[in-house]
Amino acid sequence: MRSFDDLVGEAEAADVTGWGFGWLDGRATEERPPWGYSRILAARLATARAALDIDTGGGEVLAQAPTLPARMCVTEAWPPNATRAREALAPRDVEVYETDDGAGLPFPGESFDLVTSRHPVRPGWEEIHRVLVPGGSYLAQHVGPSSAFELTEFFRGPLPGHGHGRDPRHEAAAAEKAGLTVTDLRTARCRMEFFDIGAVVWILRKCVWWVPDFSVDRYHDKLLELDSRIRTEGAFVAHSTRHLIEAQR
């Protein structure tokens, strides 16, 4: 394996915009949930008339769908991601809306028969209900509670009571409270493996909420410790949690 400094330097210089994870190929793995979100999404988009994808990132997931509705809109709050989404999706006539995080959706009520999202920052259930037509559906894969918490606690120490947000039962209850009817809710716990310290640095730069104050200088000693552990054990193992949720207006 290459030296600590080489791996870390490469990861610090790498691009982390967009919502693709191809940089980790061969350096980290994550088990996928059993339901196959991209496959389900593609099937639903093929039969929709007008659809909205919330927090689309760089449009990577949506771009995989072979067929899009006559009207396809996406929202994204982070400007670098919104730029990438325009580049990826504009050739397919997708409307890209750059939004403020936490703001309402910039559409009239009853605009879409399908609203989707893969890993939304926080689902705004009232707004989702508002923009769906009666009988319309919300289909999404959400990040679950304590996702990748083994890695978070390695750097930050024990965090009792933290990381337990995003509970699928609580999200389902919030959706119901907003007037939606939850028709499907499935959960999965998926194994993650990091095979070199560069993969860890890159993912912490991308998923900034895992260790909010992360920098290589601030956590240099912990990174050295983790690098030694990976070299000895072959990988650092953590677990992600995901849930598939579908709700209808």
C-alpha atoms as a PDB file:
ATOM      1  CA  MET A   1       0.000   0.000   0.000  1.00  0.00           C
ATOM      2  CA  ARG A   2       1.160   3.543  -0.737  1.00  0.00           C
ATOM      3  CA  SER A   3       2.348   5.826   2.030  1.00  0.00           C
ATOM      4  CA  PHE A   4       0.013   7.663   4.392  1.00  0.00           C
ATOM      5  CA  ASP A   5       1.052  11.057   2.993  1.00  0.00           C
ATOM      6  CA  ASP A   6       0.477   9.998  -0.622  1.00  0.00           C
ATOM      7  CA  LEU A   7      -2.986   8.591   0.085  1.00  0.00           C
ATOM      8  CA  VAL A   8      -4.104  11.561   2.155  1.00  0.00           C
ATOM      9  CA  GLY A   9      -2.690  14.131  -0.262  1.00  0.00           C
ATOM     10  CA  GLU A  10      -4.469  12.525  -3.184  1.00  0.00           C
ATOM     11  CA  ALA A  11      -7.778  12.453  -1.295  1.00  0.00           C
ATOM     12  CA  GLU A  12      -7.453  16.090  -0.236  1.00  0.00           C
ATOM     13  CA  ALA A  13      -6.949  17.167  -3.852  1.00  0.00           C
ATOM     14  CA  ALA A  14      -9.765  15.049  -5.321  1.00  0.00           C
ATOM     15  CA  ASP A  15     -13.081  16.545  -6.450  1.00  0.00           C
ATOM     16  CA  VAL A  16     -16.004  15.893  -4.085  1.00  0.00           C
ATOM     17  CA  THR A  17     -18.764  17.772  -5.916  1.00  0.00           C
ATOM     18  CA  GLY A  18     -21.785  15.952  -7.256  1.00  0.00           C
ATOM     19  CA  TRP A  19     -23.299  12.852  -5.728  1.00  0.00           C
ATOM     20  CA  GLY A  20     -21.288  10.178  -7.466  1.00  0.00           C
ATOM     21  CA  PHE A  21     -18.928   7.894  -5.579  1.00  0.00           C
ATOM     22  CA  GLY A  22     -16.850   6.501  -8.426  1.00  0.00           C
ATOM     23  CA  TRP A  23     -13.649   7.849  -6.860  1.00  0.00           C
ATOM     24  CA  LEU A  24     -13.965   5.123  -4.225  1.00  0.00           C
ATOM     25  CA  ASP A  25     -13.953   2.253  -6.729  1.00  0.00           C
ATOM     26  CA  GLY A  26     -11.427  -0.292  -5.501  1.00  0.00           C
ATOM     27  CA  ARG A  27     -10.868   1.688  -2.281  1.00  0.00           C
ATOM     28  CA  ALA A  28     -14.159   1.232  -0.457  1.00  0.00           C
ATOM     29  CA  THR A  29     -17.362  -0.774  -0.802  1.00  0.00           C
ATOM     30  CA  GLU A  30     -20.914  -0.394   0.439  1.00  0.00           C
ATOM     31  CA  GLU A  31     -23.504  -3.140   0.341  1.00  0.00           C
ATOM     32  CA  ARG A  32     -26.660  -2.043  -1.451  1.00  0.00           C
ATOM     33  CA  PRO A  33     -30.176  -2.309   0.003  1.00  0.00           C
ATOM     34  CA  PRO A  34     -32.092  -5.298  -1.347  1.00  0.00           C
ATOM     35  CA  TRP A  35     -34.921  -3.377  -3.025  1.00  0.00           C
ATOM     36  CA  GLY A  36     -32.903  -1.762  -5.850  1.00  0.00           C
ATOM     37  CA  TYR A  37     -33.941   1.899  -5.702  1.00  0.00           C
ATOM     38  CA  SER A  38     -32.632   2.853  -9.157  1.00  0.00           C
ATOM     39  CA  ARG A  39     -34.619   0.045 -10.768  1.00  0.00           C
ATOM     40  CA  ILE A  40     -37.848   0.985  -8.943  1.00  0.00           C
ATOM     41  CA  LEU A  41     -37.298   4.670  -9.739  1.00  0.00           C
ATOM     42  CA  ALA A  42     -36.806   3.975 -13.451  1.00  0.00           C
ATOM     43  CA  ALA A  43     -40.041   1.979 -13.612  1.00  0.00           C
ATOM     44  CA  ARG A  44     -42.054   4.736 -11.904  1.00  0.00           C
ATOM     45  CA  LEU A  45     -40.585   7.523 -14.019  1.00  0.00           C
ATOM     46  CA  ALA A  46     -41.483   5.638 -17.187  1.00  0.00           C
ATOM     47  CA  THR A  47     -45.196   5.856 -16.348  1.00  0.00           C
ATOM     48  CA  ALA A  48     -45.329   9.357 -14.785  1.00  0.00           C
ATOM     49  CA  ARG A  49     -46.668  12.435 -16.568  1.00  0.00           C
ATOM     50  CA  ALA A  50     -44.821  15.036 -14.473  1.00  0.00           C
ATOM     51  CA  ALA A  51     -42.192  14.257 -11.837  1.00  0.00           C
ATOM     52  CA  LEU A  52     -39.955  16.091  -9.377  1.00  0.00           C
ATOM     53  CA  ASP A  53     -36.679  14.807  -7.919  1.00  0.00           C
ATOM     54  CA  ILE A  54     -35.726  16.603  -4.678  1.00  0.00           C
ATOM     55  CA  ASP A  55     -32.082  17.085  -3.600  1.00  0.00           C
ATOM     56  CA  THR A  56     -30.905  15.559  -6.855  1.00  0.00           C
ATOM     57  CA  GLY A  57     -27.200  16.183  -6.210  1.00  0.00           C
ATOM     58  CA  GLY A  58     -25.429  16.251  -9.546  1.00  0.00           C
ATOM     59  CA  GLY A  59     -28.305  14.365 -11.181  1.00  0.00           C
ATOM     60  CA  GLU A  60     -26.346  11.104 -11.162  1.00  0.00           C
ATOM     61  CA  VAL A  61     -29.200   8.832 -10.077  1.00  0.00           C
ATOM     62  CA  LEU A  62     -31.829  10.415 -12.317  1.00  0.00           C
ATOM     63  CA  ALA A  63     -29.508  10.318 -15.310  1.00  0.00           C
ATOM     64  CA  GLN A  64     -29.521   6.506 -15.157  1.00  0.00           C
ATOM     65  CA  ALA A  65     -33.259   6.313 -15.868  1.00  0.00           C
ATOM     66  CA  PRO A  66     -33.817   5.329 -19.512  1.00  0.00           C
ATOM     67  CA  THR A  67     -37.206   7.078 -19.778  1.00  0.00           C
ATOM     68  CA  LEU A  68     -38.271  10.378 -18.212  1.00  0.00           C
ATOM     69  CA  PRO A  69     -41.741  11.961 -18.020  1.00  0.00           C
ATOM     70  CA  ALA A  70     -42.826  14.676 -20.427  1.00  0.00           C
ATOM     71  CA  ARG A  71     -42.053  17.158 -17.644  1.00  0.00           C
ATOM     72  CA  MET A  72     -39.141  16.351 -15.338  1.00  0.00           C
ATOM     73  CA  CYS A  73     -37.952  18.812 -12.685  1.00  0.00           C
ATOM     74  CA  VAL A  74     -35.221  18.591 -10.059  1.00  0.00           C
ATOM     75  CA  THR A  75     -34.151  20.729  -7.115  1.00  0.00           C
ATOM     76  CA  GLU A  76     -30.701  21.092  -5.562  1.00  0.00           C
ATOM     77  CA  ALA A  77     -29.503  23.500  -2.863  1.00  0.00           C
ATOM     78  CA  TRP A  78     -25.710  23.275  -3.226  1.00  0.00           C
ATOM     79  CA  PRO A  79     -24.580  25.427  -6.187  1.00  0.00           C
ATOM     80  CA  PRO A  80     -21.708  23.159  -7.386  1.00  0.00           C
ATOM     81  CA  ASN A  81     -24.122  20.213  -7.494  1.00  0.00           C
ATOM     82  CA  ALA A  82     -26.783  22.277  -9.257  1.00  0.00           C
ATOM     83  CA  THR A  83     -24.237  23.171 -11.936  1.00  0.00           C
ATOM     84  CA  ARG A  84     -23.362  19.516 -12.439  1.00  0.00           C
ATOM     85  CA  ALA A  85     -27.045  18.600 -12.592  1.00  0.00           C
ATOM     86  CA  ARG A  86     -27.615  21.135 -15.370  1.00  0.00           C
ATOM     87  CA  GLU A  87     -24.700  19.723 -17.333  1.00  0.00           C
ATOM     88  CA  ALA A  88     -25.927  16.143 -16.906  1.00  0.00           C
ATOM     89  CA  LEU A  89     -29.668  16.658 -17.339  1.00  0.00           C
ATOM     90  CA  ALA A  90     -30.163  19.643 -19.645  1.00  0.00           C
ATOM     91  CA  PRO A  91     -29.655  17.501 -22.784  1.00  0.00           C
ATOM     92  CA  ARG A  92     -32.755  15.560 -21.678  1.00  0.00           C
ATOM     93  CA  ASP A  93     -34.831  18.746 -21.174  1.00  0.00           C
ATOM     94  CA  VAL A  94     -34.885  18.393 -17.396  1.00  0.00           C
ATOM     95  CA  GLU A  95     -35.710  21.619 -15.524  1.00  0.00           C
ATOM     96  CA  VAL A  96     -33.096  22.258 -12.797  1.00  0.00           C
ATOM     97  CA  TYR A  97     -34.070  24.572  -9.919  1.00  0.00           C
ATOM     98  CA  GLU A  98     -31.426  25.829  -7.511  1.00  0.00           C
ATOM     99  CA  THR A  99     -33.167  26.217  -4.146  1.00  0.00           C
ATOM    100  CA  ASP A 100     -32.330  27.487  -0.669  1.00  0.00           C
ATOM    101  CA  ASP A 101     -31.868  24.733   1.883  1.00  0.00           C
ATOM    102  CA  GLY A 102     -35.039  24.467   3.962  1.00  0.00           C
ATOM    103  CA  ALA A 103     -37.081  26.726   1.667  1.00  0.00           C
ATOM    104  CA  GLY A 104     -40.386  25.694   0.115  1.00  0.00           C
ATOM    105  CA  LEU A 105     -40.552  24.038  -3.264  1.00  0.00           C
ATOM    106  CA  PRO A 106     -40.780  26.557  -6.135  1.00  0.00           C
ATOM    107  CA  PHE A 107     -43.846  25.027  -7.772  1.00  0.00           C
ATOM    108  CA  PRO A 108     -47.613  25.576  -7.648  1.00  0.00           C
ATOM    109  CA  GLY A 109     -49.743  23.095  -5.756  1.00  0.00           C
ATOM    110  CA  GLU A 110     -50.721  19.842  -7.471  1.00  0.00           C
ATOM    111  CA  SER A 111     -47.910  20.071 -10.050  1.00  0.00           C
ATOM    112  CA  PHE A 112     -46.631  16.470 -10.037  1.00  0.00           C
ATOM    113  CA  ASP A 113     -47.980  12.951  -9.985  1.00  0.00           C
ATOM    114  CA  LEU A 114     -44.601  11.637  -8.757  1.00  0.00           C
ATOM    115  CA  VAL A 115     -42.081  13.140  -6.323  1.00  0.00           C
ATOM    116  CA  THR A 116     -38.839  11.265  -5.673  1.00  0.00           C
ATOM    117  CA  SER A 117     -35.594  11.638  -3.776  1.00  0.00           C
ATOM    118  CA  ARG A 118     -32.518   9.592  -3.000  1.00  0.00           C
ATOM    119  CA  HIS A 119     -31.055  10.611   0.346  1.00  0.00           C
ATOM    120  CA  PRO A 120     -32.853  13.939   0.876  1.00  0.00           C
ATOM    121  CA  VAL A 121     -31.347  16.321   3.416  1.00  0.00           C
ATOM    122  CA  ARG A 122     -34.666  16.485   5.268  1.00  0.00           C
ATOM    123  CA  PRO A 123     -38.042  15.634   3.735  1.00  0.00           C
ATOM    124  CA  GLY A 124     -40.456  18.570   3.812  1.00  0.00           C
ATOM    125  CA  TRP A 125     -43.639  16.544   4.076  1.00  0.00           C
ATOM    126  CA  GLU A 126     -46.060  19.460   3.909  1.00  0.00           C
ATOM    127  CA  GLU A 127     -44.430  20.728   0.715  1.00  0.00           C
ATOM    128  CA  ILE A 128     -44.353  17.242  -0.801  1.00  0.00           C
ATOM    129  CA  HIS A 129     -48.072  16.884  -0.055  1.00  0.00           C
ATOM    130  CA  ARG A 130     -48.754  20.328  -1.530  1.00  0.00           C
ATOM    131  CA  VAL A 131     -47.080  19.734  -4.909  1.00  0.00           C
ATOM    132  CA  LEU A 132     -48.499  16.238  -5.443  1.00  0.00           C
ATOM    133  CA  VAL A 133     -51.744  15.821  -7.326  1.00  0.00           C
ATOM    134  CA  PRO A 134     -54.456  13.818  -5.526  1.00  0.00           C
ATOM    135  CA  GLY A 135     -53.487  10.181  -5.981  1.00  0.00           C
ATOM    136  CA  GLY A 136     -49.843  11.141  -6.638  1.00  0.00           C
ATOM    137  CA  SER A 137     -46.949   9.328  -4.942  1.00  0.00           C
ATOM    138  CA  TYR A 138     -43.733  10.086  -3.104  1.00  0.00           C
ATOM    139  CA  LEU A 139     -41.028   7.439  -3.634  1.00  0.00           C
ATOM    140  CA  ALA A 140     -37.650   7.786  -1.947  1.00  0.00           C
ATOM    141  CA  GLN A 141     -34.679   6.112  -0.357  1.00  0.00           C
ATOM    142  CA  HIS A 142     -33.684   7.851   2.872  1.00  0.00           C
ATOM    143  CA  VAL A 143     -30.596   7.611   5.040  1.00  0.00           C
ATOM    144  CA  GLY A 144     -31.517   5.923   8.309  1.00  0.00           C
ATOM    145  CA  PRO A 145     -30.419   6.413  11.926  1.00  0.00           C
ATOM    146  CA  SER A 146     -26.780   6.082  13.043  1.00  0.00           C
ATOM    147  CA  SER A 147     -25.554   5.592   9.485  1.00  0.00           C
ATOM    148  CA  ALA A 148     -21.751   5.097   9.326  1.00  0.00           C
ATOM    149  CA  PHE A 149     -21.662   5.828  13.046  1.00  0.00           C
ATOM    150  CA  GLU A 150     -18.667   3.562  13.634  1.00  0.00           C
ATOM    151  CA  LEU A 151     -16.602   5.995  11.566  1.00  0.00           C
ATOM    152  CA  THR A 152     -18.126   9.085  13.178  1.00  0.00           C
ATOM    153  CA  GLU A 153     -17.422   7.824  16.691  1.00  0.00           C
ATOM    154  CA  PHE A 154     -13.880   6.779  15.787  1.00  0.00           C
ATOM    155  CA  PHE A 155     -13.078  10.442  15.226  1.00  0.00           C
ATOM    156  CA  ARG A 156     -15.438  12.134  17.672  1.00  0.00           C
ATOM    157  CA  GLY A 157     -15.590   9.587  20.471  1.00  0.00           C
ATOM    158  CA  PRO A 158     -18.769   8.068  21.959  1.00  0.00           C
ATOM    159  CA  LEU A 159     -21.886  10.075  21.127  1.00  0.00           C
ATOM    160  CA  PRO A 160     -24.704   8.565  23.186  1.00  0.00           C
ATOM    161  CA  GLY A 161     -28.074   9.792  22.001  1.00  0.00           C
ATOM    162  CA  HIS A 162     -26.633  11.199  18.769  1.00  0.00           C
ATOM    163  CA  GLY A 163     -27.254   9.770  15.353  1.00  0.00           C
ATOM    164  CA  HIS A 164     -30.703   8.460  16.197  1.00  0.00           C
ATOM    165  CA  GLY A 165     -32.594  10.939  14.049  1.00  0.00           C
ATOM    166  CA  ARG A 166     -33.992   9.869  10.680  1.00  0.00           C
ATOM    167  CA  ASP A 167     -35.906   7.067  12.360  1.00  0.00           C
ATOM    168  CA  PRO A 168     -38.102   5.528   9.620  1.00  0.00           C
ATOM    169  CA  ARG A 169     -41.068   5.185  11.982  1.00  0.00           C
ATOM    170  CA  HIS A 170     -40.867   8.849  12.927  1.00  0.00           C
ATOM    171  CA  GLU A 171     -40.577   9.889   9.282  1.00  0.00           C
ATOM    172  CA  ALA A 172     -43.580   7.760   8.361  1.00  0.00           C
ATOM    173  CA  ALA A 173     -45.564   9.358  11.185  1.00  0.00           C
ATOM    174  CA  ALA A 174     -44.567  12.843   9.979  1.00  0.00           C
ATOM    175  CA  ALA A 175     -45.655  11.985   6.441  1.00  0.00           C
ATOM    176  CA  GLU A 176     -49.028  10.784   7.723  1.00  0.00           C
ATOM    177  CA  LYS A 177     -49.411  13.937   9.819  1.00  0.00           C
ATOM    178  CA  ALA A 178     -48.894  16.042   6.661  1.00  0.00           C
ATOM    179  CA  GLY A 179     -51.801  14.237   4.987  1.00  0.00           C
ATOM    180  CA  LEU A 180     -49.978  11.491   3.092  1.00  0.00           C
ATOM    181  CA  THR A 181     -50.700   7.770   3.397  1.00  0.00           C
ATOM    182  CA  VAL A 182     -47.588   5.612   3.767  1.00  0.00           C
ATOM    183  CA  THR A 183     -47.996   2.559   1.540  1.00  0.00           C
ATOM    184  CA  ASP A 184     -44.529   0.990   1.838  1.00  0.00           C
ATOM    185  CA  LEU A 185     -41.701   1.200   4.378  1.00  0.00           C
ATOM    186  CA  ARG A 186     -38.640  -1.070   4.266  1.00  0.00           C
ATOM    187  CA  THR A 187     -35.334  -0.863   6.141  1.00  0.00           C
ATOM    188  CA  ALA A 188     -31.823  -2.211   5.587  1.00  0.00           C
ATOM    189  CA  ARG A 189     -28.450  -2.190   7.388  1.00  0.00           C
ATOM    190  CA  CYS A 190     -25.575  -2.393   4.906  1.00  0.00           C
ATOM    191  CA  ARG A 191     -21.903  -3.211   5.438  1.00  0.00           C
ATOM    192  CA  MET A 192     -19.297  -0.610   4.443  1.00  0.00           C
ATOM    193  CA  GLU A 193     -15.565  -1.274   4.114  1.00  0.00           C
ATOM    194  CA  PHE A 194     -12.749   1.273   3.699  1.00  0.00           C
ATOM    195  CA  PHE A 195      -9.518  -0.216   2.335  1.00  0.00           C
ATOM    196  CA  ASP A 196      -7.183   2.788   2.608  1.00  0.00           C
ATOM    197  CA  ILE A 197      -6.991   6.033   4.546  1.00  0.00           C
ATOM    198  CA  GLY A 198      -7.484   8.087   1.385  1.00  0.00           C
ATOM    199  CA  ALA A 199     -10.979   6.634   1.033  1.00  0.00           C
ATOM    200  CA  VAL A 200     -11.774   7.783   4.578  1.00  0.00           C
ATOM    201  CA  VAL A 201     -10.465  11.303   3.976  1.00  0.00           C
ATOM    202  CA  TRP A 202     -12.421  11.607   0.729  1.00  0.00           C
ATOM    203  CA  ILE A 203     -15.730  10.432   2.221  1.00  0.00           C
ATOM    204  CA  LEU A 204     -15.379  12.760   5.220  1.00  0.00           C
ATOM    205  CA  ARG A 205     -14.782  15.682   2.858  1.00  0.00           C
ATOM    206  CA  LYS A 206     -17.892  14.719   0.883  1.00  0.00           C
ATOM    207  CA  CYS A 207     -20.261  13.737   3.719  1.00  0.00           C
ATOM    208  CA  VAL A 208     -19.380  16.706   5.897  1.00  0.00           C
ATOM    209  CA  TRP A 209     -22.121  16.014   8.454  1.00  0.00           C
ATOM    210  CA  TRP A 210     -20.405  12.789   9.600  1.00  0.00           C
ATOM    211  CA  VAL A 211     -17.545  14.720  11.266  1.00  0.00           C
ATOM    212  CA  PRO A 212     -18.564  18.384  10.925  1.00  0.00           C
ATOM    213  CA  ASP A 213     -15.204  19.863  11.980  1.00  0.00           C
ATOM    214  CA  PHE A 214     -13.115  17.443   9.941  1.00  0.00           C
ATOM    215  CA  SER A 215      -9.812  18.490   8.454  1.00  0.00           C
ATOM    216  CA  VAL A 216      -6.642  16.498   7.951  1.00  0.00           C
ATOM    217  CA  ASP A 217      -4.685  18.825  10.231  1.00  0.00           C
ATOM    218  CA  ARG A 218      -7.242  18.696  13.038  1.00  0.00           C
ATOM    219  CA  TYR A 219      -7.529  14.909  12.962  1.00  0.00           C
ATOM    220  CA  HIS A 220      -4.019  14.026  11.839  1.00  0.00           C
ATOM    221  CA  ASP A 221      -3.249  11.756  14.805  1.00  0.00           C
ATOM    222  CA  LYS A 222      -6.567   9.899  14.495  1.00  0.00           C
ATOM    223  CA  LEU A 223      -5.965   9.451  10.775  1.00  0.00           C
ATOM    224  CA  LEU A 224      -2.539   7.971  11.486  1.00  0.00           C
ATOM    225  CA  GLU A 225      -4.123   5.621  14.007  1.00  0.00           C
ATOM    226  CA  LEU A 226      -6.793   4.553  11.535  1.00  0.00           C
ATOM    227  CA  ASP A 227      -4.248   4.132   8.746  1.00  0.00           C
ATOM    228  CA  SER A 228      -2.305   1.706  10.947  1.00  0.00           C
ATOM    229  CA  ARG A 229      -5.482  -0.198  11.781  1.00  0.00           C
ATOM    230  CA  ILE A 230      -6.475  -0.538   8.112  1.00  0.00           C
ATOM    231  CA  ARG A 231      -2.992  -1.768   7.183  1.00  0.00           C
ATOM    232  CA  THR A 232      -3.148  -4.368   9.978  1.00  0.00           C
ATOM    233  CA  GLU A 233      -6.766  -5.526   9.585  1.00  0.00           C
ATOM    234  CA  GLY A 234      -7.226  -4.957   5.859  1.00  0.00           C
ATOM    235  CA  ALA A 235     -10.243  -2.642   6.159  1.00  0.00           C
ATOM    236  CA  PHE A 236     -12.245  -0.437   8.492  1.00  0.00           C
ATOM    237  CA  VAL A 237     -15.816  -1.706   8.744  1.00  0.00           C
ATOM    238  CA  ALA A 238     -18.872   0.480   9.337  1.00  0.00           C
ATOM    239  CA  HIS A 239     -22.556   0.140   8.508  1.00  0.00           C
ATOM    240  CA  SER A 240     -24.991   2.380   6.665  1.00  0.00           C
ATOM    241  CA  THR A 241     -28.725   2.331   7.260  1.00  0.00           C
ATOM    242  CA  ARG A 242     -31.323   3.015   4.600  1.00  0.00           C
ATOM    243  CA  HIS A 243     -35.079   2.938   4.275  1.00  0.00           C
ATOM    244  CA  LEU A 244     -37.361   2.884   1.280  1.00  0.00           C
ATOM    245  CA  ILE A 245     -40.520   4.877   1.791  1.00  0.00           C
ATOM    246  CA  GLU A 246     -43.521   5.355  -0.465  1.00  0.00           C
ATOM    247  CA  ALA A 247     -46.482   7.545   0.394  1.00  0.00           C
ATOM    248  CA  GLN A 248     -49.559   8.666  -1.511  1.00  0.00           C
ATOM    249  CA  ARG A 249     -51.658  11.778  -1.455  1.00  0.00           C
END
